[in-house]
Amino acid sequence: LLSVEEVFGRLEPKKVAQLLHPMIETIGLERYSIPKAVTSKFSFLYGSVLSAFVKDMQKNIVELCDIRKCVVEQMMEDRELL
């Protein structure tokens, strides 16, 4: 079995940033009604910001994701799993 740290450690921050980059403008436009002129103007920053975000998640994943809590909560919701 892999640990959460190992799984997130395998992520390539630049690759994740490339995959998420197209979604950032869409989220800004659709969810927050940010004008396209604004999202387009700052799109050059998305890659570096997303890459830094992934790196930060990798360093702090244990604090961000408590697998034991997730499993216990899921099992409590679906008693058939027990």
C-alpha atoms as a PDB file:
ATOM      1  CA  LEU A   1       0.000   0.000   0.000  1.00  0.00           C
ATOM      2  CA  LEU A   2       1.037   3.553  -0.643  1.00  0.00           C
ATOM      3  CA  SER A   3       0.807   6.302   1.909  1.00  0.00           C
ATOM      4  CA  VAL A   4      -0.917   9.596   1.165  1.00  0.00           C
ATOM      5  CA  GLU A   5       2.506  11.240   1.259  1.00  0.00           C
ATOM      6  CA  GLU A   6       3.810   8.826  -1.382  1.00  0.00           C
ATOM      7  CA  VAL A   7       0.803   9.330  -3.655  1.00  0.00           C
ATOM      8  CA  PHE A   8       0.969  13.118  -3.524  1.00  0.00           C
ATOM      9  CA  GLY A   9       4.750  13.014  -3.714  1.00  0.00           C
ATOM     10  CA  ARG A  10       4.475  11.315  -7.091  1.00  0.00           C
ATOM     11  CA  LEU A  11       2.519  14.193  -8.574  1.00  0.00           C
ATOM     12  CA  GLU A  12       4.492  16.368 -10.949  1.00  0.00           C
ATOM     13  CA  PRO A  13       3.585  19.962 -10.011  1.00  0.00           C
ATOM     14  CA  LYS A  14       4.160  21.304 -13.522  1.00  0.00           C
ATOM     15  CA  LYS A  15       2.053  18.542 -15.084  1.00  0.00           C
ATOM     16  CA  VAL A  16      -0.794  19.101 -12.613  1.00  0.00           C
ATOM     17  CA  ALA A  17      -0.590  22.831 -13.342  1.00  0.00           C
ATOM     18  CA  GLN A  18      -0.852  22.134 -17.087  1.00  0.00           C
ATOM     19  CA  LEU A  19      -3.898  19.939 -16.544  1.00  0.00           C
ATOM     20  CA  LEU A  20      -5.678  22.443 -14.294  1.00  0.00           C
ATOM     21  CA  HIS A  21      -4.687  25.612 -16.175  1.00  0.00           C
ATOM     22  CA  PRO A  22      -7.606  25.566 -18.658  1.00  0.00           C
ATOM     23  CA  MET A  23     -10.112  25.194 -15.838  1.00  0.00           C
ATOM     24  CA  ILE A  24      -8.988  28.296 -13.943  1.00  0.00           C
ATOM     25  CA  GLU A  25     -10.320  30.747 -16.509  1.00  0.00           C
ATOM     26  CA  THR A  26     -13.580  28.809 -16.782  1.00  0.00           C
ATOM     27  CA  ILE A  27     -14.049  28.874 -13.004  1.00  0.00           C
ATOM     28  CA  GLY A  28     -13.333  32.595 -12.901  1.00  0.00           C
ATOM     29  CA  LEU A  29     -15.805  33.297 -15.687  1.00  0.00           C
ATOM     30  CA  GLU A  30     -18.617  30.977 -14.639  1.00  0.00           C
ATOM     31  CA  ARG A  31     -18.472  30.830 -10.873  1.00  0.00           C
ATOM     32  CA  TYR A  32     -17.164  34.265  -9.965  1.00  0.00           C
ATOM     33  CA  SER A  33     -18.278  36.279 -13.018  1.00  0.00           C
ATOM     34  CA  ILE A  34     -14.786  37.669 -13.530  1.00  0.00           C
ATOM     35  CA  PRO A  35     -14.599  39.331 -16.949  1.00  0.00           C
ATOM     36  CA  LYS A  36     -12.684  37.392 -19.610  1.00  0.00           C
ATOM     37  CA  ALA A  37     -10.383  40.391 -20.143  1.00  0.00           C
ATOM     38  CA  VAL A  38      -9.234  40.051 -16.521  1.00  0.00           C
ATOM     39  CA  THR A  39      -8.807  36.261 -16.497  1.00  0.00           C
ATOM     40  CA  SER A  40      -6.933  36.396 -19.812  1.00  0.00           C
ATOM     41  CA  LYS A  41      -4.651  39.162 -18.602  1.00  0.00           C
ATOM     42  CA  PHE A  42      -3.469  37.096 -15.637  1.00  0.00           C
ATOM     43  CA  SER A  43      -3.423  33.659 -17.286  1.00  0.00           C
ATOM     44  CA  PHE A  44       0.382  33.746 -17.495  1.00  0.00           C
ATOM     45  CA  LEU A  45       0.437  33.424 -13.692  1.00  0.00           C
ATOM     46  CA  TYR A  46      -1.777  30.359 -13.452  1.00  0.00           C
ATOM     47  CA  GLY A  47       0.944  27.801 -14.172  1.00  0.00           C
ATOM     48  CA  SER A  48       3.362  29.068 -11.540  1.00  0.00           C
ATOM     49  CA  VAL A  49       0.631  29.569  -8.938  1.00  0.00           C
ATOM     50  CA  LEU A  50      -0.822  26.095  -9.495  1.00  0.00           C
ATOM     51  CA  SER A  51       2.619  24.495  -9.463  1.00  0.00           C
ATOM     52  CA  ALA A  52       3.474  26.231  -6.183  1.00  0.00           C
ATOM     53  CA  PHE A  53       0.094  25.163  -4.782  1.00  0.00           C
ATOM     54  CA  VAL A  54       0.792  21.488  -5.595  1.00  0.00           C
ATOM     55  CA  LYS A  55       4.265  21.705  -4.038  1.00  0.00           C
ATOM     56  CA  ASP A  56       2.764  23.211  -0.886  1.00  0.00           C
ATOM     57  CA  MET A  57       0.138  20.461  -0.760  1.00  0.00           C
ATOM     58  CA  GLN A  58       2.872  17.842  -1.081  1.00  0.00           C
ATOM     59  CA  LYS A  59       4.712  19.304   1.902  1.00  0.00           C
ATOM     60  CA  ASN A  60       1.582  19.564   4.049  1.00  0.00           C
ATOM     61  CA  ILE A  61      -0.654  16.726   2.853  1.00  0.00           C
ATOM     62  CA  VAL A  62      -0.832  15.059   6.267  1.00  0.00           C
ATOM     63  CA  GLU A  63      -2.304  18.226   7.769  1.00  0.00           C
ATOM     64  CA  LEU A  64      -4.650  18.692   4.807  1.00  0.00           C
ATOM     65  CA  CYS A  65      -5.947  15.151   4.447  1.00  0.00           C
ATOM     66  CA  ASP A  66      -6.698  12.929   7.410  1.00  0.00           C
ATOM     67  CA  ILE A  67      -7.266   9.535   5.764  1.00  0.00           C
ATOM     68  CA  ARG A  68      -8.272   7.840   9.015  1.00  0.00           C
ATOM     69  CA  LYS A  69     -10.990  10.441   9.578  1.00  0.00           C
ATOM     70  CA  CYS A  70     -12.189  10.098   5.962  1.00  0.00           C
ATOM     71  CA  VAL A  71     -12.416   6.316   6.235  1.00  0.00           C
ATOM     72  CA  VAL A  72     -14.195   6.375   9.596  1.00  0.00           C
ATOM     73  CA  GLU A  73     -16.702   8.979   8.387  1.00  0.00           C
ATOM     74  CA  GLN A  74     -17.399   7.009   5.214  1.00  0.00           C
ATOM     75  CA  MET A  75     -17.884   3.797   7.159  1.00  0.00           C
ATOM     76  CA  MET A  76     -20.233   5.534   9.587  1.00  0.00           C
ATOM     77  CA  GLU A  77     -22.305   6.827   6.671  1.00  0.00           C
ATOM     78  CA  ASP A  78     -22.440   3.443   4.937  1.00  0.00           C
ATOM     79  CA  ARG A  79     -22.772   0.815   7.640  1.00  0.00           C
ATOM     80  CA  GLU A  80     -22.786  -1.981   5.036  1.00  0.00           C
ATOM     81  CA  LEU A  81     -19.032  -1.377   4.668  1.00  0.00           C
ATOM     82  CA  LEU A  82     -18.563  -2.592   8.209  1.00  0.00           C
END
